[in-house]
PDB file of N, CA and C in Angstrom:
ATOM      1  N   MET A   1     -35.547 -21.640   2.084  1.00  0.00           N
ATOM      2  CA  MET A   1     -34.312 -21.022   1.630  1.00  0.00           C
ATOM      3  C   MET A   1     -33.912 -19.919   2.611  1.00  0.00           C
ATOM      4  N   ALA A   2     -32.705 -19.954   3.057  1.00  0.00           N
ATOM      5  CA  ALA A   2     -32.190 -18.968   4.007  1.00  0.00           C
ATOM      6  C   ALA A   2     -31.897 -17.650   3.287  1.00  0.00           C
ATOM      7  N   THR A   3     -31.871 -16.592   4.045  1.00  0.00           N
ATOM      8  CA  THR A   3     -31.524 -15.281   3.506  1.00  0.00           C
ATOM      9  C   THR A   3     -30.391 -14.699   4.341  1.00  0.00           C
ATOM     10  N   ALA A   4     -29.795 -13.661   3.810  1.00  0.00           N
ATOM     11  CA  ALA A   4     -28.680 -13.034   4.514  1.00  0.00           C
ATOM     12  C   ALA A   4     -29.164 -12.415   5.821  1.00  0.00           C
ATOM     13  N   SER A   5     -28.531 -12.802   6.890  1.00  0.00           N
ATOM     14  CA  SER A   5     -28.882 -12.287   8.212  1.00  0.00           C
ATOM     15  C   SER A   5     -28.346 -10.863   8.379  1.00  0.00           C
ATOM     16  N   PRO A   6     -28.881 -10.137   9.349  1.00  0.00           N
ATOM     17  CA  PRO A   6     -28.334  -8.808   9.640  1.00  0.00           C
ATOM     18  C   PRO A   6     -26.835  -8.878   9.960  1.00  0.00           C
ATOM     19  N   LEU A   7     -26.415  -9.950  10.624  1.00  0.00           N
ATOM     20  CA  LEU A   7     -24.997 -10.116  10.941  1.00  0.00           C
ATOM     21  C   LEU A   7     -24.165 -10.254   9.668  1.00  0.00           C
ATOM     22  N   LEU A   8     -24.675 -10.981   8.677  1.00  0.00           N
ATOM     23  CA  LEU A   8     -23.950 -11.133   7.414  1.00  0.00           C
ATOM     24  C   LEU A   8     -23.855  -9.793   6.694  1.00  0.00           C
ATOM     25  N   HIS A   9     -24.922  -9.023   6.701  1.00  0.00           N
ATOM     26  CA  HIS A   9     -24.870  -7.691   6.084  1.00  0.00           C
ATOM     27  C   HIS A   9     -23.855  -6.801   6.800  1.00  0.00           C
ATOM     28  N   GLU A  10     -23.822  -6.881   8.108  1.00  0.00           N
ATOM     29  CA  GLU A  10     -22.849  -6.110   8.886  1.00  0.00           C
ATOM     30  C   GLU A  10     -21.426  -6.557   8.550  1.00  0.00           C
ATOM     31  N   PHE A  11     -21.232  -7.868   8.434  1.00  0.00           N
ATOM     32  CA  PHE A  11     -19.918  -8.406   8.085  1.00  0.00           C
ATOM     33  C   PHE A  11     -19.493  -7.922   6.698  1.00  0.00           C
ATOM     34  N   TRP A  12     -20.436  -7.854   5.768  1.00  0.00           N
ATOM     35  CA  TRP A  12     -20.130  -7.348   4.427  1.00  0.00           C
ATOM     36  C   TRP A  12     -19.628  -5.904   4.531  1.00  0.00           C
ATOM     37  N   GLU A  13     -20.351  -5.074   5.259  1.00  0.00           N
ATOM     38  CA  GLU A  13     -20.010  -3.656   5.376  1.00  0.00           C
ATOM     39  C   GLU A  13     -18.667  -3.429   6.069  1.00  0.00           C
ATOM     40  N   LYS A  14     -18.391  -4.196   7.102  1.00  0.00           N
ATOM     41  CA  LYS A  14     -17.189  -3.963   7.905  1.00  0.00           C
ATOM     42  C   LYS A  14     -15.962  -4.706   7.405  1.00  0.00           C
ATOM     43  N   SER A  15     -16.146  -5.800   6.671  1.00  0.00           N
ATOM     44  CA  SER A  15     -15.004  -6.651   6.403  1.00  0.00           C
ATOM     45  C   SER A  15     -14.963  -7.230   4.993  1.00  0.00           C
ATOM     46  N   LEU A  16     -16.009  -7.937   4.639  1.00  0.00           N
ATOM     47  CA  LEU A  16     -15.968  -8.724   3.406  1.00  0.00           C
ATOM     48  C   LEU A  16     -15.851  -7.874   2.153  1.00  0.00           C
ATOM     49  N   HIS A  17     -16.470  -6.707   2.119  1.00  0.00           N
ATOM     50  CA  HIS A  17     -16.469  -5.907   0.896  1.00  0.00           C
ATOM     51  C   HIS A  17     -15.075  -5.423   0.494  1.00  0.00           C
ATOM     52  N   ASN A  18     -14.113  -5.481   1.408  1.00  0.00           N
ATOM     53  CA  ASN A  18     -12.745  -5.094   1.047  1.00  0.00           C
ATOM     54  C   ASN A  18     -11.715  -6.156   1.441  1.00  0.00           C
ATOM     55  N   MET A  19     -12.175  -7.379   1.656  1.00  0.00           N
ATOM     56  CA  MET A  19     -11.270  -8.479   1.989  1.00  0.00           C
ATOM     57  C   MET A  19     -10.355  -8.756   0.784  1.00  0.00           C
ATOM     58  N   PRO A  20      -9.074  -8.980   1.009  1.00  0.00           N
ATOM     59  CA  PRO A  20      -8.151  -9.237  -0.095  1.00  0.00           C
ATOM     60  C   PRO A  20      -8.562 -10.467  -0.913  1.00  0.00           C
ATOM     61  N   ARG A  21      -8.338 -10.376  -2.208  1.00  0.00           N
ATOM     62  CA  ARG A  21      -8.703 -11.436  -3.145  1.00  0.00           C
ATOM     63  C   ARG A  21      -8.136 -12.785  -2.727  1.00  0.00           C
ATOM     64  N   ASP A  22      -6.875 -12.811  -2.314  1.00  0.00           N
ATOM     65  CA  ASP A  22      -6.253 -14.092  -1.968  1.00  0.00           C
ATOM     66  C   ASP A  22      -6.955 -14.763  -0.792  1.00  0.00           C
ATOM     67  N   LYS A  23      -7.413 -13.990   0.173  1.00  0.00           N
ATOM     68  CA  LYS A  23      -8.135 -14.575   1.317  1.00  0.00           C
ATOM     69  C   LYS A  23      -9.500 -15.110   0.891  1.00  0.00           C
ATOM     70  N   VAL A  24     -10.201 -14.351   0.047  1.00  0.00           N
ATOM     71  CA  VAL A  24     -11.508 -14.798  -0.440  1.00  0.00           C
ATOM     72  C   VAL A  24     -11.339 -16.083  -1.246  1.00  0.00           C
ATOM     73  N   THR A  25     -10.372 -16.095  -2.154  1.00  0.00           N
ATOM     74  CA  THR A  25     -10.126 -17.272  -2.988  1.00  0.00           C
ATOM     75  C   THR A  25      -9.737 -18.470  -2.142  1.00  0.00           C
ATOM     76  N   GLU A  26      -8.887 -18.254  -1.168  1.00  0.00           N
ATOM     77  CA  GLU A  26      -8.453 -19.335  -0.284  1.00  0.00           C
ATOM     78  C   GLU A  26      -9.643 -19.934   0.474  1.00  0.00           C
ATOM     79  N   PHE A  27     -10.512 -19.083   0.986  1.00  0.00           N
ATOM     80  CA  PHE A  27     -11.668 -19.585   1.721  1.00  0.00           C
ATOM     81  C   PHE A  27     -12.637 -20.309   0.792  1.00  0.00           C
ATOM     82  N   LEU A  28     -12.840 -19.780  -0.412  1.00  0.00           N
ATOM     83  CA  LEU A  28     -13.714 -20.462  -1.373  1.00  0.00           C
ATOM     84  C   LEU A  28     -13.192 -21.867  -1.669  1.00  0.00           C
ATOM     85  N   LYS A  29     -11.886 -21.998  -1.831  1.00  0.00           N
ATOM     86  CA  LYS A  29     -11.293 -23.324  -2.076  1.00  0.00           C
ATOM     87  C   LYS A  29     -11.482 -24.231  -0.871  1.00  0.00           C
ATOM     88  N   GLU A  30     -11.342 -23.657   0.325  1.00  0.00           N
ATOM     89  CA  GLU A  30     -11.521 -24.435   1.561  1.00  0.00           C
ATOM     90  C   GLU A  30     -12.913 -25.046   1.657  1.00  0.00           C
ATOM     91  N   ILE A  31     -13.909 -24.330   1.164  1.00  0.00           N
ATOM     92  CA  ILE A  31     -15.280 -24.837   1.269  1.00  0.00           C
ATOM     93  C   ILE A  31     -15.705 -25.616   0.023  1.00  0.00           C
ATOM     94  N   GLY A  32     -14.753 -25.871  -0.881  1.00  0.00           N
ATOM     95  CA  GLY A  32     -15.036 -26.742  -2.012  1.00  0.00           C
ATOM     96  C   GLY A  32     -15.454 -26.051  -3.292  1.00  0.00           C
ATOM     97  N   PHE A  33     -15.249 -24.752  -3.410  1.00  0.00           N
ATOM     98  CA  PHE A  33     -15.566 -24.027  -4.643  1.00  0.00           C
ATOM     99  C   PHE A  33     -14.450 -24.316  -5.636  1.00  0.00           C
ATOM    100  N   THR A  34     -14.747 -25.134  -6.641  1.00  0.00           N
ATOM    101  CA  THR A  34     -13.701 -25.635  -7.536  1.00  0.00           C
ATOM    102  C   THR A  34     -13.644 -24.931  -8.886  1.00  0.00           C
ATOM    103  N   TYR A  35     -14.468 -23.944  -9.083  1.00  0.00           N
ATOM    104  CA  TYR A  35     -14.493 -23.257 -10.371  1.00  0.00           C
ATOM    105  C   TYR A  35     -13.320 -22.285 -10.491  1.00  0.00           C
ATOM    106  N   SER A  36     -12.895 -22.046 -11.720  1.00  0.00           N
ATOM    107  CA  SER A  36     -11.819 -21.093 -11.967  1.00  0.00           C
ATOM    108  C   SER A  36     -12.281 -19.691 -11.580  1.00  0.00           C
ATOM    109  N   THR A  37     -11.421 -18.976 -10.906  1.00  0.00           N
ATOM    110  CA  THR A  37     -11.765 -17.622 -10.468  1.00  0.00           C
ATOM    111  C   THR A  37     -10.901 -16.564 -11.149  1.00  0.00           C
ATOM    112  N   SER A  38     -10.045 -16.970 -12.061  1.00  0.00           N
ATOM    113  CA  SER A  38      -9.083 -16.040 -12.650  1.00  0.00           C
ATOM    114  C   SER A  38      -9.739 -14.928 -13.469  1.00  0.00           C
ATOM    115  N   ARG A  39     -10.896 -15.177 -14.032  1.00  0.00           N
ATOM    116  CA  ARG A  39     -11.552 -14.159 -14.859  1.00  0.00           C
ATOM    117  C   ARG A  39     -12.560 -13.316 -14.082  1.00  0.00           C
ATOM    118  N   LEU A  40     -12.692 -13.593 -12.819  1.00  0.00           N
ATOM    119  CA  LEU A  40     -13.642 -12.848 -11.997  1.00  0.00           C
ATOM    120  C   LEU A  40     -12.954 -11.668 -11.317  1.00  0.00           C
ATOM    121  N   SER A  41     -13.687 -10.600 -11.164  1.00  0.00           N
ATOM    122  CA  SER A  41     -13.138  -9.446 -10.447  1.00  0.00           C
ATOM    123  C   SER A  41     -13.134  -9.743  -8.949  1.00  0.00           C
ATOM    124  N   ASP A  42     -12.407  -8.938  -8.212  1.00  0.00           N
ATOM    125  CA  ASP A  42     -12.374  -9.090  -6.753  1.00  0.00           C
ATOM    126  C   ASP A  42     -13.782  -8.978  -6.175  1.00  0.00           C
ATOM    127  N   ASP A  43     -14.542  -8.011  -6.671  1.00  0.00           N
ATOM    128  CA  ASP A  43     -15.894  -7.809  -6.160  1.00  0.00           C
ATOM    129  C   ASP A  43     -16.799  -8.998  -6.489  1.00  0.00           C
ATOM    130  N   GLU A  44     -16.652  -9.575  -7.670  1.00  0.00           N
ATOM    131  CA  GLU A  44     -17.457 -10.748  -8.030  1.00  0.00           C
ATOM    132  C   GLU A  44     -17.159 -11.918  -7.103  1.00  0.00           C
ATOM    133  N   LEU A  45     -15.887 -12.111  -6.773  1.00  0.00           N
ATOM    134  CA  LEU A  45     -15.515 -13.188  -5.849  1.00  0.00           C
ATOM    135  C   LEU A  45     -16.136 -12.966  -4.476  1.00  0.00           C
ATOM    136  N   ARG A  46     -16.082 -11.746  -4.002  1.00  0.00           N
ATOM    137  CA  ARG A  46     -16.670 -11.436  -2.692  1.00  0.00           C
ATOM    138  C   ARG A  46     -18.177 -11.677  -2.702  1.00  0.00           C
ATOM    139  N   LYS A  47     -18.826 -11.328  -3.800  1.00  0.00           N
ATOM    140  CA  LYS A  47     -20.274 -11.529  -3.904  1.00  0.00           C
ATOM    141  C   LYS A  47     -20.625 -13.011  -3.958  1.00  0.00           C
ATOM    142  N   ILE A  48     -19.786 -13.817  -4.600  1.00  0.00           N
ATOM    143  CA  ILE A  48     -20.009 -15.266  -4.613  1.00  0.00           C
ATOM    144  C   ILE A  48     -19.939 -15.800  -3.190  1.00  0.00           C
ATOM    145  N   LEU A  49     -18.911 -15.398  -2.456  1.00  0.00           N
ATOM    146  CA  LEU A  49     -18.770 -15.853  -1.075  1.00  0.00           C
ATOM    147  C   LEU A  49     -19.960 -15.389  -0.236  1.00  0.00           C
ATOM    148  N   PHE A  50     -20.363 -14.140  -0.398  1.00  0.00           N
ATOM    149  CA  PHE A  50     -21.527 -13.618   0.322  1.00  0.00           C
ATOM    150  C   PHE A  50     -22.763 -14.458   0.004  1.00  0.00           C
ATOM    151  N   GLY A  51     -22.974 -14.750  -1.271  1.00  0.00           N
ATOM    152  CA  GLY A  51     -24.136 -15.530  -1.683  1.00  0.00           C
ATOM    153  C   GLY A  51     -24.140 -16.934  -1.119  1.00  0.00           C
ATOM    154  N   LEU A  52     -22.966 -17.555  -1.091  1.00  0.00           N
ATOM    155  CA  LEU A  52     -22.880 -18.905  -0.526  1.00  0.00           C
ATOM    156  C   LEU A  52     -23.178 -18.891   0.971  1.00  0.00           C
ATOM    157  N   ILE A  53     -22.649 -17.906   1.660  1.00  0.00           N
ATOM    158  CA  ILE A  53     -22.915 -17.801   3.102  1.00  0.00           C
ATOM    159  C   ILE A  53     -24.398 -17.508   3.338  1.00  0.00           C
ATOM    160  N   ALA A  54     -24.999 -16.676   2.492  1.00  0.00           N
ATOM    161  CA  ALA A  54     -26.412 -16.309   2.659  1.00  0.00           C
ATOM    162  C   ALA A  54     -27.339 -17.510   2.509  1.00  0.00           C
ATOM    163  N   LYS A  55     -26.906 -18.544   1.813  1.00  0.00           N
ATOM    164  CA  LYS A  55     -27.734 -19.744   1.638  1.00  0.00           C
ATOM    165  C   LYS A  55     -27.801 -20.597   2.903  1.00  0.00           C
ATOM    166  N   LEU A  56     -26.918 -20.325   3.844  1.00  0.00           N
ATOM    167  CA  LEU A  56     -26.895 -21.082   5.095  1.00  0.00           C
ATOM    168  C   LEU A  56     -27.967 -20.565   6.049  1.00  0.00           C
ATOM    169  N   ASP A  57     -28.331 -21.393   7.015  1.00  0.00           N
ATOM    170  CA  ASP A  57     -29.239 -20.900   8.052  1.00  0.00           C
ATOM    171  C   ASP A  57     -28.477 -19.896   8.924  1.00  0.00           C
ATOM    172  N   GLU A  58     -29.203 -19.153   9.731  1.00  0.00           N
ATOM    173  CA  GLU A  58     -28.596 -18.047  10.481  1.00  0.00           C
ATOM    174  C   GLU A  58     -27.484 -18.500  11.426  1.00  0.00           C
ATOM    175  N   THR A  59     -27.654 -19.626  12.084  1.00  0.00           N
ATOM    176  CA  THR A  59     -26.618 -20.137  12.990  1.00  0.00           C
ATOM    177  C   THR A  59     -25.356 -20.481  12.216  1.00  0.00           C
ATOM    178  N   SER A  60     -25.513 -21.116  11.069  1.00  0.00           N
ATOM    179  CA  SER A  60     -24.352 -21.465  10.245  1.00  0.00           C
ATOM    180  C   SER A  60     -23.682 -20.217   9.685  1.00  0.00           C
ATOM    181  N   GLN A  61     -24.482 -19.199   9.361  1.00  0.00           N
ATOM    182  CA  GLN A  61     -23.901 -17.933   8.911  1.00  0.00           C
ATOM    183  C   GLN A  61     -23.015 -17.349  10.008  1.00  0.00           C
ATOM    184  N   GLN A  62     -23.507 -17.369  11.236  1.00  0.00           N
ATOM    185  CA  GLN A  62     -22.734 -16.841  12.364  1.00  0.00           C
ATOM    186  C   GLN A  62     -21.433 -17.615  12.530  1.00  0.00           C
ATOM    187  N   ASP A  63     -21.499 -18.933  12.444  1.00  0.00           N
ATOM    188  CA  ASP A  63     -20.302 -19.766  12.581  1.00  0.00           C
ATOM    189  C   ASP A  63     -19.300 -19.465  11.474  1.00  0.00           C
ATOM    190  N   THR A  64     -19.787 -19.326  10.249  1.00  0.00           N
ATOM    191  CA  THR A  64     -18.910 -19.046   9.113  1.00  0.00           C
ATOM    192  C   THR A  64     -18.250 -17.687   9.261  1.00  0.00           C
ATOM    193  N   ILE A  65     -19.001 -16.698   9.685  1.00  0.00           N
ATOM    194  CA  ILE A  65     -18.444 -15.358   9.882  1.00  0.00           C
ATOM    195  C   ILE A  65     -17.379 -15.393  10.970  1.00  0.00           C
ATOM    196  N   ARG A  66     -17.627 -16.131  12.017  1.00  0.00           N
ATOM    197  CA  ARG A  66     -16.638 -16.275  13.090  1.00  0.00           C
ATOM    198  C   ARG A  66     -15.339 -16.864  12.530  1.00  0.00           C
ATOM    199  N   ILE A  67     -15.459 -17.880  11.690  1.00  0.00           N
ATOM    200  CA  ILE A  67     -14.280 -18.510  11.075  1.00  0.00           C
ATOM    201  C   ILE A  67     -13.565 -17.511  10.172  1.00  0.00           C
ATOM    202  N   LEU A  68     -14.307 -16.787   9.358  1.00  0.00           N
ATOM    203  CA  LEU A  68     -13.700 -15.825   8.439  1.00  0.00           C
ATOM    204  C   LEU A  68     -12.985 -14.701   9.169  1.00  0.00           C
ATOM    205  N   ARG A  69     -13.499 -14.293  10.293  1.00  0.00           N
ATOM    206  CA  ARG A  69     -12.842 -13.223  11.057  1.00  0.00           C
ATOM    207  C   ARG A  69     -11.487 -13.676  11.581  1.00  0.00           C
ATOM    208  N   VAL A  70     -11.362 -14.955  11.887  1.00  0.00           N
ATOM    209  CA  VAL A  70     -10.096 -15.506  12.365  1.00  0.00           C
ATOM    210  C   VAL A  70      -9.154 -15.736  11.192  1.00  0.00           C
ATOM    211  N   TYR A  71      -9.718 -16.114  10.068  1.00  0.00           N
ATOM    212  CA  TYR A  71      -8.973 -16.442   8.857  1.00  0.00           C
ATOM    213  C   TYR A  71      -8.095 -15.292   8.519  1.00  0.00           C
TER     214      TYR A  71
END
């Protein structure tokens, strides 16, 4: 099981922890997250995205962060 890389923690601190809800929701939909998000807080959505990225291996985490920075 993969864990959150130092790069992912850095991304959380610099970007993800205050990323707008619409961008987080849009990216979650892009990666196939089909659950309703209307009852979740902005912070809960960000934590879901963080958790999903943390499950990836370190190289995939880096690739995903690169995509999110462009997003």
